[in-house]
């Protein structure tokens, strides 16, 4: 493995962890309005997949 490959791998891992931490914070802060809208979209998209 080259030094550049090692650094690239480390940076990729760091950036992924940051994205996952950000997602986790957003997910934990979701309120009831968010989940209501989520369910509405889930039903609507399910209907589209089912051809309704």
Protein backbone atom coordinates (compact mmCIF):
# COMPACT_ATOMS: atom_id res chain seq x y z
CA UNK A 1 0.00 0.00 0.00
CA UNK A 2 1.29 3.42 -0.88
CA UNK A 3 1.36 6.36 1.51
CA UNK A 4 -1.18 8.12 -0.72
CA UNK A 5 -3.46 5.07 -0.60
CA UNK A 6 -3.20 4.92 3.19
CA UNK A 7 -4.00 8.63 3.56
CA UNK A 8 -6.91 8.32 1.14
CA UNK A 9 -8.32 5.39 3.12
CA UNK A 10 -7.97 7.25 6.40
CA UNK A 11 -9.68 10.35 4.97
CA UNK A 12 -12.50 8.27 3.49
CA UNK A 13 -13.09 6.63 6.87
CA UNK A 14 -13.01 9.99 8.65
CA UNK A 15 -15.48 11.56 6.20
CA UNK A 16 -17.82 8.57 6.46
CA UNK A 17 -17.81 8.74 10.26
CA UNK A 18 -18.62 12.45 10.12
CA UNK A 19 -21.53 11.83 7.73
CA UNK A 20 -22.87 9.04 9.91
CA UNK A 21 -22.58 11.18 13.06
CA UNK A 22 -24.44 14.00 11.30
CA UNK A 23 -27.14 11.59 10.15
CA UNK A 24 -27.44 10.22 13.69
CA UNK A 25 -27.89 13.70 15.14
CA UNK A 26 -30.55 14.56 12.56
CA UNK A 27 -32.32 11.23 13.10
CA UNK A 28 -32.39 11.64 16.88
CA UNK A 29 -33.75 15.19 16.61
CA UNK A 30 -36.62 14.25 14.26
CA UNK A 31 -39.94 15.32 15.76
CA UNK A 32 -43.43 13.87 15.37
CA UNK A 33 -44.13 16.11 12.34
CA UNK A 34 -41.16 14.60 10.56
CA UNK A 35 -42.36 11.05 11.23
CA UNK A 36 -45.91 11.91 10.11
CA UNK A 37 -44.56 13.21 6.80
CA UNK A 38 -42.23 10.22 6.52
CA UNK A 39 -45.19 7.84 6.84
CA UNK A 40 -47.19 9.81 4.24
CA UNK A 41 -44.33 9.60 1.74
CA UNK A 42 -43.77 5.93 2.56
CA UNK A 43 -47.42 5.15 1.77
CA UNK A 44 -47.39 7.29 -1.39
CA UNK A 45 -44.22 5.68 -2.72
CA UNK A 46 -45.50 2.23 -1.82
CA UNK A 47 -48.65 2.93 -3.82
CA UNK A 48 -46.53 3.95 -6.82
CA UNK A 49 -44.45 0.78 -6.57
CA UNK A 50 -47.62 -1.30 -6.38
CA UNK A 51 -49.10 0.49 -9.40
CA UNK A 52 -51.95 2.18 -7.50
